[in-house]
C-alpha atoms as a PDB file:
ATOM      1  CA  MET A   1      38.563 226.119 113.020  1.00  0.00           C
ATOM      2  CA  SER A   2      39.559 224.104 116.094  1.00  0.00           C
ATOM      3  CA  VAL A   3      40.074 225.929 119.382  1.00  0.00           C
ATOM      4  CA  LEU A   4      43.377 224.042 119.670  1.00  0.00           C
ATOM      5  CA  ASN A   5      44.749 226.060 116.768  1.00  0.00           C
ATOM      6  CA  GLU A   6      44.479 229.153 118.932  1.00  0.00           C
ATOM      7  CA  ILE A   7      46.969 227.781 121.463  1.00  0.00           C
ATOM      8  CA  GLY A   8      50.090 229.811 120.776  1.00  0.00           C
ATOM      9  CA  TRP A   9      52.512 227.307 122.244  1.00  0.00           C
ATOM     10  CA  THR A  10      55.799 227.360 120.373  1.00  0.00           C
ATOM     11  CA  ASN A  11      58.124 224.394 120.165  1.00  0.00           C
ATOM     12  CA  VAL A  12      61.579 224.980 121.606  1.00  0.00           C
ATOM     13  CA  ASP A  13      64.545 223.031 120.245  1.00  0.00           C
ATOM     14  CA  GLY A  14      62.177 220.533 118.698  1.00  0.00           C
ATOM     15  CA  VAL A  15      61.037 219.331 122.100  1.00  0.00           C
ATOM     16  CA  ALA A  16      57.445 218.779 121.048  1.00  0.00           C
ATOM     17  CA  ARG A  17      58.443 216.784 118.002  1.00  0.00           C
ATOM     18  CA  HIS A  18      60.358 214.314 120.169  1.00  0.00           C
ATOM     19  CA  SER A  19      58.004 214.493 123.127  1.00  0.00           C
ATOM     20  CA  SER A  20      56.776 211.273 124.660  1.00  0.00           C
ATOM     21  CA  LEU A  21      53.296 212.716 124.214  1.00  0.00           C
ATOM     22  CA  ASN A  22      53.642 212.086 120.494  1.00  0.00           C
ATOM     23  CA  ARG A  23      54.949 208.540 120.717  1.00  0.00           C
ATOM     24  CA  GLY A  24      52.533 205.968 119.442  1.00  0.00           C
ATOM     25  CA  ILE A  25      50.239 208.586 117.932  1.00  0.00           C
ATOM     26  CA  THR A  26      49.873 208.241 114.179  1.00  0.00           C
ATOM     27  CA  PRO A  27      48.093 210.506 111.689  1.00  0.00           C
ATOM     28  CA  GLN A  28      45.357 207.870 111.553  1.00  0.00           C
ATOM     29  CA  SER A  29      44.758 208.192 115.295  1.00  0.00           C
ATOM     30  CA  THR A  30      41.201 208.543 116.510  1.00  0.00           C
ATOM     31  CA  TYR A  31      42.200 211.857 118.122  1.00  0.00           C
ATOM     32  CA  GLN A  32      42.772 213.984 115.032  1.00  0.00           C
ATOM     33  CA  ASN A  33      41.875 217.182 116.859  1.00  0.00           C
ATOM     34  CA  ARG A  34      44.797 217.385 119.248  1.00  0.00           C
ATOM     35  CA  LYS A  35      47.847 219.415 120.194  1.00  0.00           C
ATOM     36  CA  ALA A  36      50.846 217.949 122.000  1.00  0.00           C
ATOM     37  CA  VAL A  37      52.301 220.246 124.652  1.00  0.00           C
ATOM     38  CA  PRO A  38      55.797 219.374 125.968  1.00  0.00           C
ATOM     39  CA  LEU A  39      55.811 219.555 129.760  1.00  0.00           C
ATOM     40  CA  LYS A  40      59.548 219.708 130.376  1.00  0.00           C
ATOM     41  CA  LEU A  41      60.458 222.841 132.376  1.00  0.00           C
ATOM     42  CA  CYS A  42      56.878 224.150 132.303  1.00  0.00           C
ATOM     43  CA  TYR A  43      55.379 226.044 135.222  1.00  0.00           C
ATOM     44  CA  LEU A  44      52.185 224.705 136.790  1.00  0.00           C
ATOM     45  CA  CYS A  45      50.281 227.055 139.092  1.00  0.00           C
ATOM     46  CA  GLN A  46      46.997 228.633 140.112  1.00  0.00           C
ATOM     47  CA  ASN A  47      45.929 232.267 140.418  1.00  0.00           C
ATOM     48  CA  ILE A  48      49.036 233.775 138.890  1.00  0.00           C
ATOM     49  CA  LYS A  49      47.841 235.182 135.582  1.00  0.00           C
ATOM     50  CA  MET A  50      44.113 234.435 135.896  1.00  0.00           C
ATOM     51  CA  PRO A  51      42.574 234.949 139.354  1.00  0.00           C
ATOM     52  CA  ASP A  52      39.958 232.323 140.206  1.00  0.00           C
ATOM     53  CA  THR A  53      38.532 232.300 143.720  1.00  0.00           C
ATOM     54  CA  SER A  54      36.727 229.012 142.993  1.00  0.00           C
ATOM     55  CA  PHE A  55      40.090 227.268 142.376  1.00  0.00           C
ATOM     56  CA  ARG A  56      38.636 225.415 139.394  1.00  0.00           C
ATOM     57  CA  THR A  57      41.300 226.781 137.039  1.00  0.00           C
ATOM     58  CA  PHE A  58      44.975 225.948 136.756  1.00  0.00           C
ATOM     59  CA  GLU A  59      47.665 227.391 134.519  1.00  0.00           C
ATOM     60  CA  LEU A  60      50.471 225.849 132.497  1.00  0.00           C
ATOM     61  CA  HIS A  61      53.185 228.318 131.472  1.00  0.00           C
ATOM     62  CA  SER A  62      55.731 227.564 128.755  1.00  0.00           C
ATOM     63  CA  PRO A  63      59.449 227.376 129.701  1.00  0.00           C
ATOM     64  CA  ASP A  64      60.184 230.665 127.924  1.00  0.00           C
ATOM     65  CA  GLY A  65      57.305 232.422 129.662  1.00  0.00           C
ATOM     66  CA  THR A  66      55.682 233.578 126.432  1.00  0.00           C
ATOM     67  CA  SER A  67      52.712 231.198 126.355  1.00  0.00           C
ATOM     68  CA  CYS A  68      50.170 230.001 128.878  1.00  0.00           C
ATOM     69  CA  ILE A  69      47.261 227.558 128.752  1.00  0.00           C
ATOM     70  CA  PHE A  70      44.359 227.837 131.208  1.00  0.00           C
ATOM     71  CA  PHE A  71      42.476 224.681 132.153  1.00  0.00           C
ATOM     72  CA  ARG A  72      39.074 225.069 133.803  1.00  0.00           C
ATOM     73  CA  CYS A  73      37.588 222.050 135.562  1.00  0.00           C
ATOM     74  CA  PRO A  74      33.978 221.428 136.672  1.00  0.00           C
ATOM     75  CA  ASP A  75      34.942 221.724 140.335  1.00  0.00           C
ATOM     76  CA  GLU A  76      37.854 222.366 142.693  1.00  0.00           C
ATOM     77  CA  HIS A  77      38.300 218.669 143.522  1.00  0.00           C
ATOM     78  CA  LEU A  78      38.870 217.699 139.884  1.00  0.00           C
ATOM     79  CA  ALA A  79      41.224 220.643 139.407  1.00  0.00           C
ATOM     80  CA  ARG A  80      43.322 219.408 142.343  1.00  0.00           C
ATOM     81  CA  GLU A  81      43.432 215.893 140.870  1.00  0.00           C
ATOM     82  CA  TRP A  82      44.604 217.162 137.498  1.00  0.00           C
ATOM     83  CA  MET A  83      47.188 219.435 139.100  1.00  0.00           C
ATOM     84  CA  SER A  84      48.520 216.577 141.205  1.00  0.00           C
ATOM     85  CA  ALA A  85      48.891 214.340 138.154  1.00  0.00           C
ATOM     86  CA  VAL A  86      50.611 216.989 136.036  1.00  0.00           C
ATOM     87  CA  HIS A  87      52.808 218.051 138.957  1.00  0.00           C
ATOM     88  CA  GLY A  88      54.087 214.489 139.337  1.00  0.00           C
ATOM     89  CA  VAL A  89      55.122 214.354 135.683  1.00  0.00           C
ATOM     90  CA  LEU A  90      56.764 217.779 135.890  1.00  0.00           C
ATOM     91  CA  HIS A  91      58.742 216.717 138.964  1.00  0.00           C
ATOM     92  CA  THR A  92      60.143 213.673 137.140  1.00  0.00           C
ATOM     93  CA  LEU A  93      61.047 215.751 134.082  1.00  0.00           C
ATOM     94  CA  LEU A  94      62.678 218.395 136.277  1.00  0.00           C
ATOM     95  CA  GLN A  95      65.058 215.842 137.795  1.00  0.00           C
ATOM     96  CA  ARG A  96      66.167 214.859 134.292  1.00  0.00           C
ATOM     97  CA  ALA A  97      66.573 218.506 133.336  1.00  0.00           C
ATOM     98  CA  LEU A  98      68.743 219.064 136.422  1.00  0.00           C
ATOM     99  CA  VAL A  99      71.159 216.332 135.324  1.00  0.00           C
ATOM    100  CA  GLU A 100      71.203 217.735 131.785  1.00  0.00           C
ATOM    101  CA  ALA A 101      71.907 221.255 133.068  1.00  0.00           C
ATOM    102  CA  ASN A 102      74.958 220.144 135.041  1.00  0.00           C
ATOM    103  CA  GLU A 103      76.242 218.194 132.036  1.00  0.00           C
ATOM    104  CA  LEU A 104      75.803 221.300 129.889  1.00  0.00           C
ATOM    105  CA  LEU A 105      77.623 223.552 132.350  1.00  0.00           C
ATOM    106  CA  LYS A 106      80.675 221.322 132.797  1.00  0.00           C
ATOM    107  CA  GLY A 107      83.768 223.303 131.848  1.00  0.00           C
ATOM    108  CA  SER A 108      81.820 226.530 131.422  1.00  0.00           C
ATOM    109  CA  GLN A 109      83.822 229.654 132.261  1.00  0.00           C
ATOM    110  CA  ASN A 110      80.750 231.312 133.743  1.00  0.00           C
ATOM    111  CA  ASN A 111      79.861 228.309 135.856  1.00  0.00           C
ATOM    112  CA  SER A 112      78.436 229.363 139.228  1.00  0.00           C
ATOM    113  CA  GLY A 113      78.933 225.876 140.577  1.00  0.00           C
ATOM    114  CA  GLU A 114      76.908 222.701 140.457  1.00  0.00           C
ATOM    115  CA  VAL A 115      73.156 223.222 140.216  1.00  0.00           C
ATOM    116  CA  CYS A 116      71.722 221.559 143.317  1.00  0.00           C
ATOM    117  CA  HIS A 117      68.061 222.432 142.855  1.00  0.00           C
ATOM    118  CA  MET A 118      65.948 224.398 140.401  1.00  0.00           C
ATOM    119  CA  GLY A 119      62.366 225.073 139.420  1.00  0.00           C
ATOM    120  CA  TRP A 120      59.628 227.617 138.976  1.00  0.00           C
ATOM    121  CA  LEU A 121      58.386 229.805 141.830  1.00  0.00           C
ATOM    122  CA  ALA A 122      56.155 232.860 142.081  1.00  0.00           C
ATOM    123  CA  ASP A 123      57.985 235.920 143.404  1.00  0.00           C
ATOM    124  CA  GLN A 124      55.949 238.566 145.192  1.00  0.00           C
ATOM    125  CA  VAL A 125      56.563 241.990 143.682  1.00  0.00           C
ATOM    126  CA  SER A 126      54.979 245.413 144.030  1.00  0.00           C
ATOM    127  CA  MET A 127      53.284 247.061 141.081  1.00  0.00           C
ATOM    128  CA  ASN A 128      55.971 249.753 141.080  1.00  0.00           C
ATOM    129  CA  ASP A 129      58.733 247.161 140.851  1.00  0.00           C
ATOM    130  CA  SER A 130      57.069 244.897 138.273  1.00  0.00           C
ATOM    131  CA  HIS A 131      58.186 245.530 134.696  1.00  0.00           C
ATOM    132  CA  ASP A 132      55.254 243.514 133.380  1.00  0.00           C
ATOM    133  CA  ASN A 133      51.847 244.552 134.666  1.00  0.00           C
ATOM    134  CA  ASP A 134      50.233 241.576 132.937  1.00  0.00           C
ATOM    135  CA  TRP A 135      50.868 239.416 136.014  1.00  0.00           C
ATOM    136  CA  ASN A 136      48.126 238.863 138.533  1.00  0.00           C
ATOM    137  CA  SER A 137      47.391 241.842 140.761  1.00  0.00           C
ATOM    138  CA  ASP A 138      44.075 242.197 142.538  1.00  0.00           C
ATOM    139  CA  LYS A 139      42.058 245.410 142.619  1.00  0.00           C
ATOM    140  CA  VAL A 140      40.203 246.583 145.691  1.00  0.00           C
ATOM    141  CA  ASN A 141      37.765 249.486 145.208  1.00  0.00           C
ATOM    142  CA  GLY A 142      39.437 250.265 141.924  1.00  0.00           C
ATOM    143  CA  GLU A 143      42.933 250.379 143.425  1.00  0.00           C
ATOM    144  CA  TRP A 144      45.726 247.882 142.861  1.00  0.00           C
ATOM    145  CA  SER A 145      46.755 245.843 145.862  1.00  0.00           C
ATOM    146  CA  LYS A 146      50.332 246.176 147.039  1.00  0.00           C
ATOM    147  CA  ALA A 147      51.362 242.673 146.010  1.00  0.00           C
ATOM    148  CA  SER A 148      51.395 240.658 142.822  1.00  0.00           C
ATOM    149  CA  TRP A 149      53.007 237.389 141.804  1.00  0.00           C
ATOM    150  CA  LYS A 150      55.437 236.939 138.966  1.00  0.00           C
ATOM    151  CA  PRO A 151      56.765 233.570 137.711  1.00  0.00           C
ATOM    152  CA  VAL A 152      60.508 233.247 138.194  1.00  0.00           C
ATOM    153  CA  PHE A 153      62.817 230.329 137.494  1.00  0.00           C
ATOM    154  CA  VAL A 154      65.172 229.862 140.446  1.00  0.00           C
ATOM    155  CA  ALA A 155      68.339 227.776 140.497  1.00  0.00           C
ATOM    156  CA  LEU A 156      70.387 227.047 143.612  1.00  0.00           C
ATOM    157  CA  THR A 157      74.040 226.224 143.051  1.00  0.00           C
ATOM    158  CA  ASP A 158      76.679 225.518 145.662  1.00  0.00           C
ATOM    159  CA  LYS A 159      77.615 229.217 145.388  1.00  0.00           C
ATOM    160  CA  ASN A 160      74.615 231.293 144.342  1.00  0.00           C
ATOM    161  CA  MET A 161      70.867 231.661 144.109  1.00  0.00           C
ATOM    162  CA  LEU A 162      70.120 232.580 140.474  1.00  0.00           C
ATOM    163  CA  LEU A 163      66.861 234.112 139.235  1.00  0.00           C
ATOM    164  CA  TYR A 164      65.691 234.002 135.599  1.00  0.00           C
ATOM    165  CA  ASP A 165      62.663 235.230 133.666  1.00  0.00           C
ATOM    166  CA  LYS A 166      62.657 231.977 131.703  1.00  0.00           C
ATOM    167  CA  ALA A 167      64.046 228.478 132.110  1.00  0.00           C
ATOM    168  CA  PRO A 168      67.682 228.595 130.895  1.00  0.00           C
ATOM    169  CA  ARG A 169      68.504 226.177 128.083  1.00  0.00           C
ATOM    170  CA  SER A 170      71.991 227.193 126.904  1.00  0.00           C
ATOM    171  CA  ARG A 171      75.254 228.212 128.526  1.00  0.00           C
ATOM    172  CA  GLN A 172      74.478 231.773 127.484  1.00  0.00           C
ATOM    173  CA  ASP A 173      71.114 231.602 129.255  1.00  0.00           C
ATOM    174  CA  TRP A 174      72.663 230.194 132.421  1.00  0.00           C
ATOM    175  CA  ALA A 175      75.306 232.946 132.432  1.00  0.00           C
ATOM    176  CA  ALA A 176      72.686 235.713 132.328  1.00  0.00           C
ATOM    177  CA  PRO A 177      70.373 235.610 135.372  1.00  0.00           C
ATOM    178  CA  TYR A 178      68.543 238.872 135.960  1.00  0.00           C
ATOM    179  CA  LEU A 179      69.460 238.590 139.647  1.00  0.00           C
ATOM    180  CA  SER A 180      72.054 236.647 141.609  1.00  0.00           C
ATOM    181  CA  HIS A 181      72.552 236.304 145.363  1.00  0.00           C
ATOM    182  CA  SER A 182      75.426 234.646 147.185  1.00  0.00           C
ATOM    183  CA  ILE A 183      74.031 231.555 148.905  1.00  0.00           C
ATOM    184  CA  LEU A 184      76.469 232.205 151.752  1.00  0.00           C
ATOM    185  CA  ALA A 185      74.917 235.650 152.325  1.00  0.00           C
ATOM    186  CA  THR A 186      71.315 234.412 151.990  1.00  0.00           C
ATOM    187  CA  ARG A 187      69.143 233.049 154.744  1.00  0.00           C
ATOM    188  CA  LEU A 188      65.643 231.675 155.123  1.00  0.00           C
ATOM    189  CA  VAL A 189      63.448 233.849 157.356  1.00  0.00           C
ATOM    190  CA  HIS A 190      59.992 232.300 156.930  1.00  0.00           C
ATOM    191  CA  SER A 191      58.384 229.120 155.647  1.00  0.00           C
ATOM    192  CA  GLY A 192      54.708 228.207 155.916  1.00  0.00           C
ATOM    193  CA  LYS A 193      51.187 229.387 155.177  1.00  0.00           C
ATOM    194  CA  ASN A 194      50.367 233.006 154.481  1.00  0.00           C
ATOM    195  CA  LEU A 195      47.098 234.854 154.011  1.00  0.00           C
ATOM    196  CA  GLN A 196      46.747 236.887 150.826  1.00  0.00           C
ATOM    197  CA  PRO A 197      45.875 240.496 151.699  1.00  0.00           C
ATOM    198  CA  VAL A 198      42.944 240.788 149.281  1.00  0.00           C
ATOM    199  CA  ASP A 199      40.916 237.577 149.305  1.00  0.00           C
ATOM    200  CA  GLY A 200      42.184 236.071 152.570  1.00  0.00           C
ATOM    201  CA  ASN A 201      43.068 232.756 150.908  1.00  0.00           C
ATOM    202  CA  GLU A 202      46.026 230.809 152.261  1.00  0.00           C
ATOM    203  CA  VAL A 203      49.104 230.352 150.105  1.00  0.00           C
ATOM    204  CA  LEU A 204      52.316 228.436 150.786  1.00  0.00           C
ATOM    205  CA  THR A 205      55.320 230.740 150.873  1.00  0.00           C
ATOM    206  CA  PHE A 206      58.904 231.012 152.035  1.00  0.00           C
ATOM    207  CA  SER A 207      60.914 234.197 152.428  1.00  0.00           C
ATOM    208  CA  THR A 208      64.610 234.904 152.001  1.00  0.00           C
ATOM    209  CA  ARG A 209      66.871 237.824 152.821  1.00  0.00           C
ATOM    210  CA  SER A 210      70.244 238.411 151.203  1.00  0.00           C
ATOM    211  CA  GLY A 211      73.017 240.784 152.195  1.00  0.00           C
ATOM    212  CA  THR A 212      74.258 242.725 149.162  1.00  0.00           C
ATOM    213  CA  ARG A 213      76.410 245.780 148.536  1.00  0.00           C
ATOM    214  CA  GLN A 214      73.185 247.718 148.017  1.00  0.00           C
ATOM    215  CA  GLY A 215      71.780 246.589 151.362  1.00  0.00           C
ATOM    216  CA  VAL A 216      69.323 243.832 152.241  1.00  0.00           C
ATOM    217  CA  THR A 217      67.276 242.279 149.435  1.00  0.00           C
ATOM    218  CA  GLY A 218      64.212 240.251 150.355  1.00  0.00           C
ATOM    219  CA  HIS A 219      62.004 237.842 148.419  1.00  0.00           C
ATOM    220  CA  GLN A 220      58.765 236.095 149.239  1.00  0.00           C
ATOM    221  CA  PHE A 221      58.325 233.041 147.031  1.00  0.00           C
ATOM    222  CA  ARG A 222      55.107 231.106 146.567  1.00  0.00           C
ATOM    223  CA  VAL A 223      54.912 227.369 145.912  1.00  0.00           C
ATOM    224  CA  GLU A 224      51.956 225.193 144.945  1.00  0.00           C
ATOM    225  CA  THR A 225      52.376 222.116 147.161  1.00  0.00           C
ATOM    226  CA  PRO A 226      53.569 221.313 150.712  1.00  0.00           C
ATOM    227  CA  ARG A 227      56.148 218.972 149.158  1.00  0.00           C
ATOM    228  CA  ASP A 228      57.646 221.853 147.170  1.00  0.00           C
ATOM    229  CA  LEU A 229      57.714 224.051 150.260  1.00  0.00           C
ATOM    230  CA  ALA A 230      59.543 221.422 152.305  1.00  0.00           C
ATOM    231  CA  GLN A 231      62.032 220.776 149.523  1.00  0.00           C
ATOM    232  CA  TRP A 232      62.901 224.415 148.865  1.00  0.00           C
ATOM    233  CA  THR A 233      63.187 225.107 152.592  1.00  0.00           C
ATOM    234  CA  ARG A 234      65.541 222.184 153.081  1.00  0.00           C
ATOM    235  CA  VAL A 235      67.826 222.904 150.124  1.00  0.00           C
ATOM    236  CA  LEU A 236      68.104 226.594 151.010  1.00  0.00           C
ATOM    237  CA  VAL A 237      69.161 225.965 154.596  1.00  0.00           C
ATOM    238  CA  GLN A 238      71.389 223.023 153.745  1.00  0.00           C
ATOM    239  CA  GLY A 239      72.884 224.887 150.789  1.00  0.00           C
ATOM    240  CA  SER A 240      73.991 227.847 152.892  1.00  0.00           C
ATOM    241  CA  HIS A 241      75.413 225.549 155.573  1.00  0.00           C
ATOM    242  CA  ASP A 242      77.287 223.488 152.983  1.00  0.00           C
ATOM    243  CA  ALA A 243      78.692 226.681 151.458  1.00  0.00           C
ATOM    244  CA  ALA A 244      79.993 227.732 154.878  1.00  0.00           C
ATOM    245  CA  GLY A 245      81.809 224.429 155.264  1.00  0.00           C
ATOM    246  CA  ILE A 246      83.289 224.615 151.757  1.00  0.00           C
ATOM    247  CA  ILE A 247      84.316 228.286 151.598  1.00  0.00           C
ATOM    248  CA  LYS A 248      85.371 228.462 155.275  1.00  0.00           C
ATOM    249  CA  GLU A 249      87.076 231.861 155.050  1.00  0.00           C
ATOM    250  CA  VAL A 250      86.100 235.358 153.938  1.00  0.00           C
ATOM    251  CA  ASN A 251      88.455 238.349 153.875  1.00  0.00           C
ATOM    252  CA  CYS A 252      87.616 242.022 153.523  1.00  0.00           C
ATOM    253  CA  PRO A 253      89.626 245.247 153.791  1.00  0.00           C
ATOM    254  CA  VAL A 254      88.673 247.478 156.721  1.00  0.00           C
ATOM    255  CA  ILE A 255      89.833 250.585 158.541  1.00  0.00           C
ATOM    256  CA  TRP A 256      90.409 250.073 162.263  1.00  0.00           C
ATOM    257  CA  GLN A 257      91.627 252.951 164.426  1.00  0.00           C
ATOM    258  CA  THR A 258      92.737 254.817 161.253  1.00  0.00           C
ATOM    259  CA  GLN A 259      94.817 251.811 160.086  1.00  0.00           C
ATOM    260  CA  GLN A 260      94.305 249.967 156.804  1.00  0.00           C
ATOM    261  CA  CYS A 261      93.682 246.380 157.898  1.00  0.00           C
ATOM    262  CA  GLN A 262      92.151 243.099 156.800  1.00  0.00           C
ATOM    263  CA  LEU A 263      89.354 241.317 158.634  1.00  0.00           C
ATOM    264  CA  THR A 264      89.298 237.541 158.245  1.00  0.00           C
ATOM    265  CA  LEU A 265      86.137 235.683 159.119  1.00  0.00           C
ATOM    266  CA  HIS A 266      86.924 231.972 159.447  1.00  0.00           C
ATOM    267  CA  TYR A 267      84.303 229.251 159.849  1.00  0.00           C
ATOM    268  CA  GLU A 268      86.360 227.429 162.514  1.00  0.00           C
ATOM    269  CA  ASN A 269      88.629 230.098 164.003  1.00  0.00           C
ATOM    270  CA  GLY A 270      86.401 233.163 164.252  1.00  0.00           C
ATOM    271  CA  PHE A 271      87.619 236.757 163.787  1.00  0.00           C
ATOM    272  CA  THR A 272      91.168 237.836 162.992  1.00  0.00           C
ATOM    273  CA  LEU A 273      92.317 241.382 162.241  1.00  0.00           C
ATOM    274  CA  THR A 274      95.700 241.844 160.570  1.00  0.00           C
ATOM    275  CA  THR A 275      97.576 244.801 159.132  1.00  0.00           C
ATOM    276  CA  GLN A 276      97.845 245.053 155.377  1.00  0.00           C
ATOM    277  CA  HIS A 277     101.286 244.192 154.042  1.00  0.00           C
ATOM    278  CA  PRO A 278     102.697 243.260 150.630  1.00  0.00           C
ATOM    279  CA  PRO A 279     102.090 239.589 149.716  1.00  0.00           C
ATOM    280  CA  ASP A 280     105.713 238.659 150.375  1.00  0.00           C
ATOM    281  CA  GLN A 281     105.549 239.893 153.967  1.00  0.00           C
ATOM    282  CA  SER A 282     103.719 238.410 156.926  1.00  0.00           C
ATOM    283  CA  SER A 283     100.834 240.392 158.405  1.00  0.00           C
ATOM    284  CA  PRO A 284     100.976 240.934 162.179  1.00  0.00           C
ATOM    285  CA  VAL A 285      97.814 239.942 164.024  1.00  0.00           C
ATOM    286  CA  LEU A 286      96.243 242.923 165.791  1.00  0.00           C
ATOM    287  CA  TRP A 287      93.551 240.898 167.525  1.00  0.00           C
ATOM    288  CA  HIS A 288      91.785 237.564 167.336  1.00  0.00           C
ATOM    289  CA  PHE A 289      88.542 236.334 168.894  1.00  0.00           C
ATOM    290  CA  PRO A 290      86.711 233.021 168.531  1.00  0.00           C
ATOM    291  CA  PHE A 291      82.993 233.128 167.793  1.00  0.00           C
ATOM    292  CA  GLU A 292      82.260 232.173 171.390  1.00  0.00           C
ATOM    293  CA  LYS A 293      83.619 235.537 172.573  1.00  0.00           C
ATOM    294  CA  MET A 294      81.181 237.589 170.515  1.00  0.00           C
ATOM    295  CA  GLN A 295      78.193 238.844 172.491  1.00  0.00           C
ATOM    296  CA  GLY A 296      76.584 240.898 169.750  1.00  0.00           C
ATOM    297  CA  SER A 297      77.018 242.805 166.518  1.00  0.00           C
ATOM    298  CA  ALA A 298      75.511 245.880 164.898  1.00  0.00           C
ATOM    299  CA  ASP A 299      75.945 247.957 161.757  1.00  0.00           C
ATOM    300  CA  ASP A 300      74.769 251.279 160.331  1.00  0.00           C
ATOM    301  CA  GLY A 301      73.730 249.780 156.989  1.00  0.00           C
ATOM    302  CA  THR A 302      76.226 252.004 155.189  1.00  0.00           C
ATOM    303  CA  ARG A 303      79.839 251.163 156.099  1.00  0.00           C
ATOM    304  CA  LEU A 304      80.376 250.706 159.855  1.00  0.00           C
ATOM    305  CA  LEU A 305      80.324 247.380 161.722  1.00  0.00           C
ATOM    306  CA  TRP A 306      80.518 246.958 165.494  1.00  0.00           C
ATOM    307  CA  LEU A 307      81.535 243.677 167.118  1.00  0.00           C
ATOM    308  CA  ASN A 308      80.971 243.328 170.859  1.00  0.00           C
ATOM    309  CA  PHE A 309      83.379 240.927 172.583  1.00  0.00           C
ATOM    310  CA  GLY A 310      82.156 241.454 176.141  1.00  0.00           C
ATOM    311  CA  ASP A 311      84.925 242.143 178.650  1.00  0.00           C
ATOM    312  CA  ASP A 312      87.387 242.558 175.767  1.00  0.00           C
ATOM    313  CA  GLY A 313      85.455 245.544 174.502  1.00  0.00           C
ATOM    314  CA  GLU A 314      83.729 246.567 171.302  1.00  0.00           C
ATOM    315  CA  GLN A 315      85.570 246.869 168.013  1.00  0.00           C
ATOM    316  CA  GLU A 316      84.462 249.380 165.373  1.00  0.00           C
ATOM    317  CA  LEU A 317      85.349 248.539 161.780  1.00  0.00           C
ATOM    318  CA  ASP A 318      84.933 250.743 158.720  1.00  0.00           C
ATOM    319  CA  LEU A 319      84.301 248.434 155.754  1.00  0.00           C
ATOM    320  CA  GLN A 320      84.131 251.397 153.304  1.00  0.00           C
ATOM    321  CA  THR A 321      81.128 249.679 151.711  1.00  0.00           C
ATOM    322  CA  CYS A 322      77.812 248.232 152.851  1.00  0.00           C
ATOM    323  CA  PRO A 323      78.481 245.813 155.743  1.00  0.00           C
ATOM    324  CA  LYS A 324      75.410 243.650 155.066  1.00  0.00           C
ATOM    325  CA  PRO A 325      77.208 240.900 153.070  1.00  0.00           C
ATOM    326  CA  ILE A 326      79.741 240.242 155.844  1.00  0.00           C
ATOM    327  CA  VAL A 327      76.972 240.430 158.494  1.00  0.00           C
ATOM    328  CA  PHE A 328      74.895 237.819 156.663  1.00  0.00           C
ATOM    329  CA  ILE A 329      77.944 235.598 156.132  1.00  0.00           C
ATOM    330  CA  LEU A 330      78.644 235.825 159.862  1.00  0.00           C
ATOM    331  CA  HIS A 331      75.081 234.698 160.601  1.00  0.00           C
ATOM    332  CA  THR A 332      75.428 231.800 158.141  1.00  0.00           C
ATOM    333  CA  PHE A 333      78.682 230.657 159.770  1.00  0.00           C
ATOM    334  CA  LEU A 334      77.057 230.727 163.206  1.00  0.00           C
ATOM    335  CA  SER A 335      73.926 228.941 161.970  1.00  0.00           C
ATOM    336  CA  ALA A 336      76.012 226.235 160.294  1.00  0.00           C
ATOM    337  CA  LYS A 337      78.068 225.687 163.446  1.00  0.00           C
ATOM    338  CA  VAL A 338      74.922 225.375 165.566  1.00  0.00           C
ATOM    339  CA  ALA A 339      73.386 222.937 163.056  1.00  0.00           C
ATOM    340  CA  ARG A 340      76.582 220.892 163.113  1.00  0.00           C
ATOM    341  CA  LEU A 341      76.070 220.417 166.839  1.00  0.00           C
ATOM    342  CA  GLY A 342      72.646 218.956 166.125  1.00  0.00           C
ATOM    343  CA  LEU A 343      70.790 222.016 167.381  1.00  0.00           C
ATOM    344  CA  VAL A 344      68.237 224.184 165.583  1.00  0.00           C
ATOM    345  CA  ALA A 345      69.664 227.504 164.406  1.00  0.00           C
END
């Protein structure tokens, strides 16, 4: 029996049957002992499911995450060459898949906006958080290290950052991410090389933090190439800045000095606090400050937000929910305004 028969790669939507890998190959081909593997939406990586300190092995994961092929080369140099070649093909196929995804989602009721960028990343998770202990985790003196890497398909839209266990193929798949973060309340906090805690090898990573109603959620994502790192870094920063310019205004109910009020955070105009009135009545403005007046902000992580306006005093606001989303949106607005001036935020 051929070793190729042991590859448990399943065809999805007949992709393999129509794959360009099969074109021009007839049953009379010299290569009778073969298996065509469709590359579209596959995940190419190293040291995710099979640790290899010699870097002679690379992995190809199927789009649904159920199958994986390991390729072992004679040396690290040849492994890099093969990875570079396959990565180039995957990049081209991913651009086509991006266009197809936006065509599919047109008119969808659950549409989170246009998909601007998508692809596979490795998300760093702890063993306690991981629901699948099959992913790579190193052992030191018989104990698991604190970090492991799990493949995750990430899509950035003009509204959200969506995380999936597998590459979405249908509207139903796209509507069911296992995690979603508002791009407006998400910011990049690190991008560059990192040392792995166990073997000391360098990996390329970027980190994000998102303000949610449950508090701050952080991710450290790993990429395989400097090109991928630069691209994800750029689209994340630009995506949040673009969202600030599009959305422009965020409103939230607050309690200020025992009054039920509404805080408006406007991209151009700054902070405005108004009393709550029925929709058919105008709401008197209690105070207004441009962003330039703010000298600092703080929160208790639970419900209170403090805004310091210098000589005009500090305002305490009770948001009655976690203040982190509005705090992160405030930071995004300020970052976008600084970037618009041609400065580095």
